[in-house]
Amino acid sequence: MNKIIISKLNNDENKIEWRISNSETGHYLNISISRALEDAMKKKRNLSFNRFESEQINNYLSHLVTNIQEDYVLNIDESNISSSYLPLKGIDALSYMKTVE
């Protein structure tokens, strides 16, 4: 059984970084969320960024880690989140994930 571990790596003025890792395989997905996205969400839609962040990580991305065979990074910003500010679904996130070298 895969054990998924979610941890916060960094929280600075430019971005928030999370890691979702699979303790069985050792592979991980690092997620970087732009602070500019957070600011835009608050201004344009008065949305809860914490809720967006939680849904993005827990509901849509954590299940991807059970099947990955390499380490990946995913940058989330205004270029890959629509103007509706809905989280990236797992299938959509795959096209933005890059392997870690």
PDB file of N, CA and C in Angstrom:
ATOM      1  N   MET A   1       0.837  -1.183   0.000  1.00  0.00           N
ATOM      2  CA  MET A   1       0.000   0.000   0.000  1.00  0.00           C
ATOM      3  C   MET A   1       0.881   1.246   0.000  1.00  0.00           C
ATOM      4  N   ASN A   2       0.584   2.162  -0.903  1.00  0.00           N
ATOM      5  CA  ASN A   2       1.357   3.393  -1.001  1.00  0.00           C
ATOM      6  C   ASN A   2       0.956   4.363   0.093  1.00  0.00           C
ATOM      7  N   LYS A   3       1.946   4.920   0.738  1.00  0.00           N
ATOM      8  CA  LYS A   3       1.679   5.951   1.734  1.00  0.00           C
ATOM      9  C   LYS A   3       2.100   7.286   1.133  1.00  0.00           C
ATOM     10  N   ILE A   4       1.136   8.195   1.047  1.00  0.00           N
ATOM     11  CA  ILE A   4       1.377   9.508   0.470  1.00  0.00           C
ATOM     12  C   ILE A   4       1.666  10.494   1.597  1.00  0.00           C
ATOM     13  N   ILE A   5       2.752  11.246   1.440  1.00  0.00           N
ATOM     14  CA  ILE A   5       3.159  12.237   2.437  1.00  0.00           C
ATOM     15  C   ILE A   5       3.131  13.612   1.773  1.00  0.00           C
ATOM     16  N   ILE A   6       2.441  14.550   2.408  1.00  0.00           N
ATOM     17  CA  ILE A   6       2.362  15.924   1.906  1.00  0.00           C
ATOM     18  C   ILE A   6       3.091  16.831   2.882  1.00  0.00           C
ATOM     19  N   SER A   7       4.042  17.598   2.363  1.00  0.00           N
ATOM     20  CA  SER A   7       4.802  18.497   3.243  1.00  0.00           C
ATOM     21  C   SER A   7       5.050  19.831   2.537  1.00  0.00           C
ATOM     22  N   LYS A   8       5.093  20.880   3.339  1.00  0.00           N
ATOM     23  CA  LYS A   8       5.382  22.214   2.811  1.00  0.00           C
ATOM     24  C   LYS A   8       6.895  22.402   2.816  1.00  0.00           C
ATOM     25  N   LEU A   9       7.449  22.798   1.664  1.00  0.00           N
ATOM     26  CA  LEU A   9       8.895  22.974   1.534  1.00  0.00           C
ATOM     27  C   LEU A   9       9.336  24.413   1.723  1.00  0.00           C
ATOM     28  N   ASN A  10       8.533  25.346   1.189  1.00  0.00           N
ATOM     29  CA  ASN A  10       8.947  26.741   1.178  1.00  0.00           C
ATOM     30  C   ASN A  10       7.714  27.630   1.158  1.00  0.00           C
ATOM     31  N   ASN A  11       7.837  28.775   1.792  1.00  0.00           N
ATOM     32  CA  ASN A  11       6.740  29.737   1.821  1.00  0.00           C
ATOM     33  C   ASN A  11       7.384  31.123   1.870  1.00  0.00           C
ATOM     34  N   ASP A  12       7.626  31.700   0.686  1.00  0.00           N
ATOM     35  CA  ASP A  12       8.258  33.017   0.668  1.00  0.00           C
ATOM     36  C   ASP A  12       7.392  34.013  -0.091  1.00  0.00           C
ATOM     37  N   GLU A  13       7.921  35.190  -0.369  1.00  0.00           N
ATOM     38  CA  GLU A  13       7.126  36.247  -0.990  1.00  0.00           C
ATOM     39  C   GLU A  13       6.770  35.971  -2.447  1.00  0.00           C
ATOM     40  N   ASN A  14       7.460  35.036  -3.099  1.00  0.00           N
ATOM     41  CA  ASN A  14       7.207  34.746  -4.509  1.00  0.00           C
ATOM     42  C   ASN A  14       6.391  33.492  -4.766  1.00  0.00           C
ATOM     43  N   LYS A  15       6.507  32.514  -3.875  1.00  0.00           N
ATOM     44  CA  LYS A  15       5.834  31.237  -4.134  1.00  0.00           C
ATOM     45  C   LYS A  15       5.677  30.416  -2.852  1.00  0.00           C
ATOM     46  N   ILE A  16       4.789  29.449  -2.954  1.00  0.00           N
ATOM     47  CA  ILE A  16       4.599  28.457  -1.903  1.00  0.00           C
ATOM     48  C   ILE A  16       4.937  27.121  -2.540  1.00  0.00           C
ATOM     49  N   GLU A  17       5.781  26.337  -1.888  1.00  0.00           N
ATOM     50  CA  GLU A  17       6.183  25.057  -2.455  1.00  0.00           C
ATOM     51  C   GLU A  17       5.756  23.912  -1.550  1.00  0.00           C
ATOM     52  N   TRP A  18       5.173  22.904  -2.182  1.00  0.00           N
ATOM     53  CA  TRP A  18       4.728  21.700  -1.499  1.00  0.00           C
ATOM     54  C   TRP A  18       5.388  20.486  -2.144  1.00  0.00           C
ATOM     55  N   ARG A  19       5.477  19.402  -1.394  1.00  0.00           N
ATOM     56  CA  ARG A  19       5.945  18.130  -1.941  1.00  0.00           C
ATOM     57  C   ARG A  19       4.938  17.058  -1.566  1.00  0.00           C
ATOM     58  N   ILE A  20       4.517  16.306  -2.577  1.00  0.00           N
ATOM     59  CA  ILE A  20       3.694  15.122  -2.363  1.00  0.00           C
ATOM     60  C   ILE A  20       4.595  13.953  -2.726  1.00  0.00           C
ATOM     61  N   SER A  21       4.863  13.094  -1.751  1.00  0.00           N
ATOM     62  CA  SER A  21       5.786  11.988  -2.013  1.00  0.00           C
ATOM     63  C   SER A  21       5.145  10.646  -1.695  1.00  0.00           C
ATOM     64  N   ASN A  22       5.654   9.642  -2.354  1.00  0.00           N
ATOM     65  CA  ASN A  22       5.218   8.267  -2.162  1.00  0.00           C
ATOM     66  C   ASN A  22       6.308   7.575  -1.347  1.00  0.00           C
ATOM     67  N   SER A  23       5.992   7.208  -0.118  1.00  0.00           N
ATOM     68  CA  SER A  23       7.023   6.639   0.758  1.00  0.00           C
ATOM     69  C   SER A  23       7.475   5.251   0.298  1.00  0.00           C
ATOM     70  N   GLU A  24       6.665   4.581  -0.487  1.00  0.00           N
ATOM     71  CA  GLU A  24       7.036   3.247  -0.968  1.00  0.00           C
ATOM     72  C   GLU A  24       8.051   3.315  -2.103  1.00  0.00           C
ATOM     73  N   THR A  25       7.817   4.212  -3.070  1.00  0.00           N
ATOM     74  CA  THR A  25       8.709   4.301  -4.227  1.00  0.00           C
ATOM     75  C   THR A  25       9.795   5.363  -4.049  1.00  0.00           C
ATOM     76  N   GLY A  26       9.532   6.329  -3.182  1.00  0.00           N
ATOM     77  CA  GLY A  26      10.472   7.431  -2.991  1.00  0.00           C
ATOM     78  C   GLY A  26      10.297   8.550  -4.003  1.00  0.00           C
ATOM     79  N   HIS A  27       9.417   8.376  -4.972  1.00  0.00           N
ATOM     80  CA  HIS A  27       9.197   9.416  -5.978  1.00  0.00           C
ATOM     81  C   HIS A  27       8.289  10.503  -5.429  1.00  0.00           C
ATOM     82  N   TYR A  28       8.423  11.691  -6.015  1.00  0.00           N
ATOM     83  CA  TYR A  28       7.673  12.829  -5.504  1.00  0.00           C
ATOM     84  C   TYR A  28       7.244  13.766  -6.623  1.00  0.00           C
ATOM     85  N   LEU A  29       6.297  14.632  -6.268  1.00  0.00           N
ATOM     86  CA  LEU A  29       5.853  15.728  -7.109  1.00  0.00           C
ATOM     87  C   LEU A  29       6.012  16.999  -6.288  1.00  0.00           C
ATOM     88  N   ASN A  30       6.894  17.890  -6.728  1.00  0.00           N
ATOM     89  CA  ASN A  30       7.033  19.198  -6.090  1.00  0.00           C
ATOM     90  C   ASN A  30       6.087  20.165  -6.794  1.00  0.00           C
ATOM     91  N   ILE A  31       5.343  20.913  -6.004  1.00  0.00           N
ATOM     92  CA  ILE A  31       4.372  21.856  -6.534  1.00  0.00           C
ATOM     93  C   ILE A  31       4.757  23.253  -6.080  1.00  0.00           C
ATOM     94  N   SER A  32       4.845  24.160  -7.022  1.00  0.00           N
ATOM     95  CA  SER A  32       5.160  25.555  -6.734  1.00  0.00           C
ATOM     96  C   SER A  32       3.958  26.390  -7.154  1.00  0.00           C
ATOM     97  N   ILE A  33       3.371  27.110  -6.192  1.00  0.00           N
ATOM     98  CA  ILE A  33       2.204  27.943  -6.474  1.00  0.00           C
ATOM     99  C   ILE A  33       2.615  29.409  -6.352  1.00  0.00           C
ATOM    100  N   SER A  34       2.379  30.142  -7.400  1.00  0.00           N
ATOM    101  CA  SER A  34       2.769  31.546  -7.487  1.00  0.00           C
ATOM    102  C   SER A  34       1.977  32.421  -6.523  1.00  0.00           C
ATOM    103  N   ARG A  35       2.679  33.314  -5.828  1.00  0.00           N
ATOM    104  CA  ARG A  35       2.009  34.292  -4.964  1.00  0.00           C
ATOM    105  C   ARG A  35       1.185  35.276  -5.801  1.00  0.00           C
ATOM    106  N   ALA A  36       1.608  35.531  -7.035  1.00  0.00           N
ATOM    107  CA  ALA A  36       0.835  36.413  -7.920  1.00  0.00           C
ATOM    108  C   ALA A  36      -0.541  35.808  -8.187  1.00  0.00           C
ATOM    109  N   LEU A  37      -0.612  34.490  -8.298  1.00  0.00           N
ATOM    110  CA  LEU A  37      -1.896  33.814  -8.470  1.00  0.00           C
ATOM    111  C   LEU A  37      -2.761  34.022  -7.234  1.00  0.00           C
ATOM    112  N   GLU A  38      -2.166  33.869  -6.070  1.00  0.00           N
ATOM    113  CA  GLU A  38      -2.899  34.092  -4.823  1.00  0.00           C
ATOM    114  C   GLU A  38      -3.462  35.512  -4.781  1.00  0.00           C
ATOM    115  N   ASP A  39      -2.641  36.509  -5.106  1.00  0.00           N
ATOM    116  CA  ASP A  39      -3.085  37.904  -5.086  1.00  0.00           C
ATOM    117  C   ASP A  39      -4.222  38.144  -6.085  1.00  0.00           C
ATOM    118  N   ALA A  40      -4.080  37.574  -7.278  1.00  0.00           N
ATOM    119  CA  ALA A  40      -5.108  37.750  -8.304  1.00  0.00           C
ATOM    120  C   ALA A  40      -6.428  37.123  -7.882  1.00  0.00           C
ATOM    121  N   MET A  41      -6.354  35.966  -7.262  1.00  0.00           N
ATOM    122  CA  MET A  41      -7.570  35.299  -6.805  1.00  0.00           C
ATOM    123  C   MET A  41      -8.293  36.142  -5.761  1.00  0.00           C
ATOM    124  N   LYS A  42      -7.537  36.709  -4.862  1.00  0.00           N
ATOM    125  CA  LYS A  42      -8.144  37.516  -3.801  1.00  0.00           C
ATOM    126  C   LYS A  42      -8.767  38.796  -4.351  1.00  0.00           C
ATOM    127  N   LYS A  43      -8.118  39.412  -5.337  1.00  0.00           N
ATOM    128  CA  LYS A  43      -8.615  40.667  -5.894  1.00  0.00           C
ATOM    129  C   LYS A  43      -9.809  40.464  -6.824  1.00  0.00           C
ATOM    130  N   LYS A  44      -9.701  39.487  -7.702  1.00  0.00           N
ATOM    131  CA  LYS A  44     -10.713  39.322  -8.740  1.00  0.00           C
ATOM    132  C   LYS A  44     -11.954  38.573  -8.275  1.00  0.00           C
ATOM    133  N   ARG A  45     -11.770  37.604  -7.421  1.00  0.00           N
ATOM    134  CA  ARG A  45     -12.905  36.768  -7.071  1.00  0.00           C
ATOM    135  C   ARG A  45     -13.165  36.692  -5.576  1.00  0.00           C
ATOM    136  N   ASN A  46     -12.320  37.299  -4.789  1.00  0.00           N
ATOM    137  CA  ASN A  46     -12.436  37.211  -3.335  1.00  0.00           C
ATOM    138  C   ASN A  46     -12.545  35.748  -2.890  1.00  0.00           C
ATOM    139  N   LEU A  47     -11.737  34.911  -3.511  1.00  0.00           N
ATOM    140  CA  LEU A  47     -11.756  33.480  -3.212  1.00  0.00           C
ATOM    141  C   LEU A  47     -10.797  33.149  -2.082  1.00  0.00           C
ATOM    142  N   SER A  48     -11.085  32.080  -1.409  1.00  0.00           N
ATOM    143  CA  SER A  48     -10.193  31.607  -0.374  1.00  0.00           C
ATOM    144  C   SER A  48      -9.023  30.865  -1.020  1.00  0.00           C
ATOM    145  N   PHE A  49      -7.858  31.447  -0.941  1.00  0.00           N
ATOM    146  CA  PHE A  49      -6.685  30.801  -1.512  1.00  0.00           C
ATOM    147  C   PHE A  49      -6.360  29.514  -0.767  1.00  0.00           C
ATOM    148  N   ASN A  50      -6.550  29.500   0.550  1.00  0.00           N
ATOM    149  CA  ASN A  50      -6.268  28.290   1.326  1.00  0.00           C
ATOM    150  C   ASN A  50      -7.132  27.124   0.867  1.00  0.00           C
ATOM    151  N   ARG A  51      -8.378  27.411   0.562  1.00  0.00           N
ATOM    152  CA  ARG A  51      -9.260  26.347   0.069  1.00  0.00           C
ATOM    153  C   ARG A  51      -8.785  25.860  -1.295  1.00  0.00           C
ATOM    154  N   PHE A  52      -8.454  26.788  -2.184  1.00  0.00           N
ATOM    155  CA  PHE A  52      -7.943  26.428  -3.504  1.00  0.00           C
ATOM    156  C   PHE A  52      -6.711  25.546  -3.367  1.00  0.00           C
ATOM    157  N   GLU A  53      -5.775  25.981  -2.537  1.00  0.00           N
ATOM    158  CA  GLU A  53      -4.522  25.262  -2.325  1.00  0.00           C
ATOM    159  C   GLU A  53      -4.783  23.852  -1.790  1.00  0.00           C
ATOM    160  N   SER A  54      -5.650  23.746  -0.810  1.00  0.00           N
ATOM    161  CA  SER A  54      -5.979  22.457  -0.209  1.00  0.00           C
ATOM    162  C   SER A  54      -6.635  21.523  -1.220  1.00  0.00           C
ATOM    163  N   GLU A  55      -7.611  22.027  -1.967  1.00  0.00           N
ATOM    164  CA  GLU A  55      -8.266  21.200  -2.979  1.00  0.00           C
ATOM    165  C   GLU A  55      -7.282  20.765  -4.052  1.00  0.00           C
ATOM    166  N   GLN A  56      -6.427  21.699  -4.477  1.00  0.00           N
ATOM    167  CA  GLN A  56      -5.462  21.388  -5.523  1.00  0.00           C
ATOM    168  C   GLN A  56      -4.553  20.244  -5.097  1.00  0.00           C
ATOM    169  N   ILE A  57      -4.026  20.325  -3.909  1.00  0.00           N
ATOM    170  CA  ILE A  57      -3.060  19.333  -3.444  1.00  0.00           C
ATOM    171  C   ILE A  57      -3.742  18.031  -3.017  1.00  0.00           C
ATOM    172  N   ASN A  58      -4.735  18.131  -2.165  1.00  0.00           N
ATOM    173  CA  ASN A  58      -5.348  16.933  -1.594  1.00  0.00           C
ATOM    174  C   ASN A  58      -6.299  16.205  -2.539  1.00  0.00           C
ATOM    175  N   ASN A  59      -7.110  16.941  -3.269  1.00  0.00           N
ATOM    176  CA  ASN A  59      -8.133  16.302  -4.088  1.00  0.00           C
ATOM    177  C   ASN A  59      -7.691  15.975  -5.506  1.00  0.00           C
ATOM    178  N   TYR A  60      -6.819  16.796  -6.079  1.00  0.00           N
ATOM    179  CA  TYR A  60      -6.508  16.632  -7.496  1.00  0.00           C
ATOM    180  C   TYR A  60      -5.110  16.135  -7.822  1.00  0.00           C
ATOM    181  N   LEU A  61      -4.146  16.379  -6.943  1.00  0.00           N
ATOM    182  CA  LEU A  61      -2.773  15.996  -7.292  1.00  0.00           C
ATOM    183  C   LEU A  61      -2.223  14.821  -6.500  1.00  0.00           C
ATOM    184  N   SER A  62      -2.649  14.634  -5.277  1.00  0.00           N
ATOM    185  CA  SER A  62      -2.037  13.597  -4.438  1.00  0.00           C
ATOM    186  C   SER A  62      -2.186  12.203  -5.025  1.00  0.00           C
ATOM    187  N   HIS A  63      -3.287  11.926  -5.709  1.00  0.00           N
ATOM    188  CA  HIS A  63      -3.458  10.586  -6.283  1.00  0.00           C
ATOM    189  C   HIS A  63      -2.493  10.311  -7.442  1.00  0.00           C
ATOM    190  N   LEU A  64      -1.976  11.364  -8.082  1.00  0.00           N
ATOM    191  CA  LEU A  64      -1.030  11.171  -9.190  1.00  0.00           C
ATOM    192  C   LEU A  64       0.277  10.529  -8.721  1.00  0.00           C
ATOM    193  N   VAL A  65       0.635  10.780  -7.476  1.00  0.00           N
ATOM    194  CA  VAL A  65       1.927  10.317  -6.958  1.00  0.00           C
ATOM    195  C   VAL A  65       1.959   8.800  -6.789  1.00  0.00           C
ATOM    196  N   THR A  66       0.818   8.164  -6.681  1.00  0.00           N
ATOM    197  CA  THR A  66       0.805   6.707  -6.505  1.00  0.00           C
ATOM    198  C   THR A  66       1.325   5.978  -7.738  1.00  0.00           C
ATOM    199  N   ASN A  67       1.266   6.628  -8.912  1.00  0.00           N
ATOM    200  CA  ASN A  67       1.652   5.958 -10.151  1.00  0.00           C
ATOM    201  C   ASN A  67       2.884   6.510 -10.844  1.00  0.00           C
ATOM    202  N   ILE A  68       3.496   7.556 -10.313  1.00  0.00           N
ATOM    203  CA  ILE A  68       4.640   8.131 -11.022  1.00  0.00           C
ATOM    204  C   ILE A  68       5.890   7.273 -10.824  1.00  0.00           C
ATOM    205  N   GLN A  69       6.714   7.232 -11.850  1.00  0.00           N
ATOM    206  CA  GLN A  69       7.940   6.437 -11.834  1.00  0.00           C
ATOM    207  C   GLN A  69       9.194   7.300 -11.840  1.00  0.00           C
ATOM    208  N   GLU A  70       9.000   8.611 -11.793  1.00  0.00           N
ATOM    209  CA  GLU A  70      10.103   9.567 -11.739  1.00  0.00           C
ATOM    210  C   GLU A  70       9.698  10.684 -10.790  1.00  0.00           C
ATOM    211  N   ASP A  71      10.607  11.620 -10.555  1.00  0.00           N
ATOM    212  CA  ASP A  71      10.318  12.792  -9.747  1.00  0.00           C
ATOM    213  C   ASP A  71       9.899  13.925 -10.678  1.00  0.00           C
ATOM    214  N   TYR A  72       8.893  14.693 -10.243  1.00  0.00           N
ATOM    215  CA  TYR A  72       8.337  15.749 -11.089  1.00  0.00           C
ATOM    216  C   TYR A  72       8.221  17.057 -10.334  1.00  0.00           C
ATOM    217  N   VAL A  73       8.100  18.135 -11.115  1.00  0.00           N
ATOM    218  CA  VAL A  73       7.810  19.457 -10.579  1.00  0.00           C
ATOM    219  C   VAL A  73       6.642  20.024 -11.383  1.00  0.00           C
ATOM    220  N   LEU A  74       5.775  20.754 -10.695  1.00  0.00           N
ATOM    221  CA  LEU A  74       4.617  21.385 -11.318  1.00  0.00           C
ATOM    222  C   LEU A  74       4.539  22.819 -10.818  1.00  0.00           C
ATOM    223  N   ASN A  75       4.611  23.768 -11.745  1.00  0.00           N
ATOM    224  CA  ASN A  75       4.478  25.181 -11.400  1.00  0.00           C
ATOM    225  C   ASN A  75       3.055  25.623 -11.715  1.00  0.00           C
ATOM    226  N   ILE A  76       2.367  26.124 -10.697  1.00  0.00           N
ATOM    227  CA  ILE A  76       0.995  26.580 -10.877  1.00  0.00           C
ATOM    228  C   ILE A  76       0.982  28.105 -10.777  1.00  0.00           C
ATOM    229  N   ASP A  77       0.526  28.726 -11.869  1.00  0.00           N
ATOM    230  CA  ASP A  77       0.432  30.184 -11.908  1.00  0.00           C
ATOM    231  C   ASP A  77      -0.739  30.565 -12.801  1.00  0.00           C
ATOM    232  N   GLU A  78      -0.857  31.834 -13.126  1.00  0.00           N
ATOM    233  CA  GLU A  78      -1.997  32.290 -13.923  1.00  0.00           C
ATOM    234  C   GLU A  78      -1.987  31.734 -15.346  1.00  0.00           C
ATOM    235  N   SER A  79      -0.848  31.262 -15.828  1.00  0.00           N
ATOM    236  CA  SER A  79      -0.793  30.744 -17.197  1.00  0.00           C
ATOM    237  C   SER A  79      -1.472  29.379 -17.339  1.00  0.00           C
ATOM    238  N   ASN A  80      -1.580  28.614 -16.270  1.00  0.00           N
ATOM    239  CA  ASN A  80      -2.216  27.305 -16.388  1.00  0.00           C
ATOM    240  C   ASN A  80      -3.483  27.137 -15.539  1.00  0.00           C
ATOM    241  N   ILE A  81      -3.900  28.205 -14.878  1.00  0.00           N
ATOM    242  CA  ILE A  81      -5.169  28.218 -14.158  1.00  0.00           C
ATOM    243  C   ILE A  81      -6.087  29.172 -14.919  1.00  0.00           C
ATOM    244  N   SER A  82      -7.274  28.719 -15.237  1.00  0.00           N
ATOM    245  CA  SER A  82      -8.186  29.569 -16.007  1.00  0.00           C
ATOM    246  C   SER A  82      -8.682  30.750 -15.175  1.00  0.00           C
ATOM    247  N   SER A  83      -9.355  31.654 -15.824  1.00  0.00           N
ATOM    248  CA  SER A  83      -9.864  32.844 -15.136  1.00  0.00           C
ATOM    249  C   SER A  83     -10.941  32.500 -14.108  1.00  0.00           C
ATOM    250  N   SER A  84     -11.432  31.269 -14.138  1.00  0.00           N
ATOM    251  CA  SER A  84     -12.405  30.847 -13.124  1.00  0.00           C
ATOM    252  C   SER A  84     -11.704  30.419 -11.831  1.00  0.00           C
ATOM    253  N   TYR A  85     -10.391  30.325 -11.899  1.00  0.00           N
ATOM    254  CA  TYR A  85      -9.554  29.967 -10.752  1.00  0.00           C
ATOM    255  C   TYR A  85      -9.952  28.630 -10.122  1.00  0.00           C
ATOM    256  N   LEU A  86     -10.242  27.670 -10.978  1.00  0.00           N
ATOM    257  CA  LEU A  86     -10.514  26.319 -10.498  1.00  0.00           C
ATOM    258  C   LEU A  86      -9.203  25.536 -10.475  1.00  0.00           C
ATOM    259  N   PRO A  87      -9.045  24.636  -9.525  1.00  0.00           N
ATOM    260  CA  PRO A  87      -7.809  23.842  -9.476  1.00  0.00           C
ATOM    261  C   PRO A  87      -7.618  23.015 -10.743  1.00  0.00           C
ATOM    262  N   LEU A  88      -6.369  22.730 -11.052  1.00  0.00           N
ATOM    263  CA  LEU A  88      -6.053  21.837 -12.169  1.00  0.00           C
ATOM    264  C   LEU A  88      -6.475  20.424 -11.803  1.00  0.00           C
ATOM    265  N   LYS A  89      -7.244  19.806 -12.653  1.00  0.00           N
ATOM    266  CA  LYS A  89      -7.593  18.399 -12.457  1.00  0.00           C
ATOM    267  C   LYS A  89      -6.341  17.571 -12.750  1.00  0.00           C
ATOM    268  N   GLY A  90      -6.266  16.387 -12.198  1.00  0.00           N
ATOM    269  CA  GLY A  90      -5.092  15.545 -12.367  1.00  0.00           C
ATOM    270  C   GLY A  90      -4.685  15.342 -13.808  1.00  0.00           C
ATOM    271  N   ILE A  91      -5.655  15.049 -14.672  1.00  0.00           N
ATOM    272  CA  ILE A  91      -5.352  14.803 -16.077  1.00  0.00           C
ATOM    273  C   ILE A  91      -4.801  16.054 -16.753  1.00  0.00           C
ATOM    274  N   ASP A  92      -5.312  17.227 -16.382  1.00  0.00           N
ATOM    275  CA  ASP A  92      -4.816  18.483 -16.946  1.00  0.00           C
ATOM    276  C   ASP A  92      -3.421  18.815 -16.413  1.00  0.00           C
ATOM    277  N   ALA A  93      -3.178  18.492 -15.161  1.00  0.00           N
ATOM    278  CA  ALA A  93      -1.885  18.786 -14.539  1.00  0.00           C
ATOM    279  C   ALA A  93      -0.747  18.011 -15.199  1.00  0.00           C
ATOM    280  N   LEU A  94      -1.050  16.826 -15.713  1.00  0.00           N
ATOM    281  CA  LEU A  94      -0.006  15.997 -16.332  1.00  0.00           C
ATOM    282  C   LEU A  94       0.732  16.728 -17.441  1.00  0.00           C
ATOM    283  N   SER A  95       0.016  17.534 -18.201  1.00  0.00           N
ATOM    284  CA  SER A  95       0.664  18.233 -19.318  1.00  0.00           C
ATOM    285  C   SER A  95       1.609  19.350 -18.845  1.00  0.00           C
ATOM    286  N   TYR A  96       1.475  19.788 -17.613  1.00  0.00           N
ATOM    287  CA  TYR A  96       2.339  20.848 -17.069  1.00  0.00           C
ATOM    288  C   TYR A  96       3.474  20.293 -16.193  1.00  0.00           C
ATOM    289  N   MET A  97       3.431  19.019 -15.889  1.00  0.00           N
ATOM    290  CA  MET A  97       4.465  18.419 -15.025  1.00  0.00           C
ATOM    291  C   MET A  97       5.746  18.198 -15.821  1.00  0.00           C
ATOM    292  N   LYS A  98       6.850  18.521 -15.194  1.00  0.00           N
ATOM    293  CA  LYS A  98       8.167  18.319 -15.831  1.00  0.00           C
ATOM    294  C   LYS A  98       8.994  17.411 -14.933  1.00  0.00           C
ATOM    295  N   THR A  99       9.805  16.550 -15.542  1.00  0.00           N
ATOM    296  CA  THR A  99      10.654  15.674 -14.751  1.00  0.00           C
ATOM    297  C   THR A  99      11.791  16.453 -14.126  1.00  0.00           C
ATOM    298  N   VAL A 100      12.193  16.031 -12.943  1.00  0.00           N
ATOM    299  CA  VAL A 100      13.316  16.640 -12.231  1.00  0.00           C
ATOM    300  C   VAL A 100      14.582  15.982 -12.754  1.00  0.00           C
ATOM    301  N   GLU A 101      15.564  16.799 -13.113  1.00  0.00           N
ATOM    302  CA  GLU A 101      16.830  16.247 -13.629  1.00  0.00           C
ATOM    303  C   GLU A 101      17.912  16.319 -12.594  1.00  0.00           C
TER     304      GLU A 101
END
